[in-house]
Amino acid sequence: MQTLSNTSKPLVDGNAQDAMQSVMSTANSVQSGVSREFHSFIADIEDLVKQTTSLTGDDLEHAKDQLVKRIATAKESIEDVGSDIAHQARKSVAATNEYVHDQPWNAIGAGAVAGMLIGFLLARRS
């Protein structure tokens, strides 16, 4: 039977920890990137609306084309972020799968502890 002591192996090995840290780092950078892109997009739209209030004919068409290009750029940026998230999620799944296969009893113990905590919290609410 495996005991948990100060000299035992950590519950999460280096690969899993690295994967979790990588996911958290990517999530934070994605969030800030999406936020920046969204604010930039909104600022561009506001500027364009201010500029187009008195435009007609060719100038209005040019402004419309600029708006379509800006929307396309924003879509591409969001798609890039989505692919980055998917890539990091696949890496995390692979690291978790490897960890669970290498140390099944630790994973079972962690799942049991999490289940007991959730059960305890739900029982207190009633």
Foldseek 3Di string as FASTA:
>chain_A
DDDDDPPDDDLADPLLVVLVVVLVVLVVVLVVQLVVLVVVLVVLVVVLVVVCPPDDDPVNVVSVVVNVVSVVVNVVSVVVSVVVNVVSVVSNVVSVVVSCVVPVVSVVVVVVVVVVVVVVVVVVVD
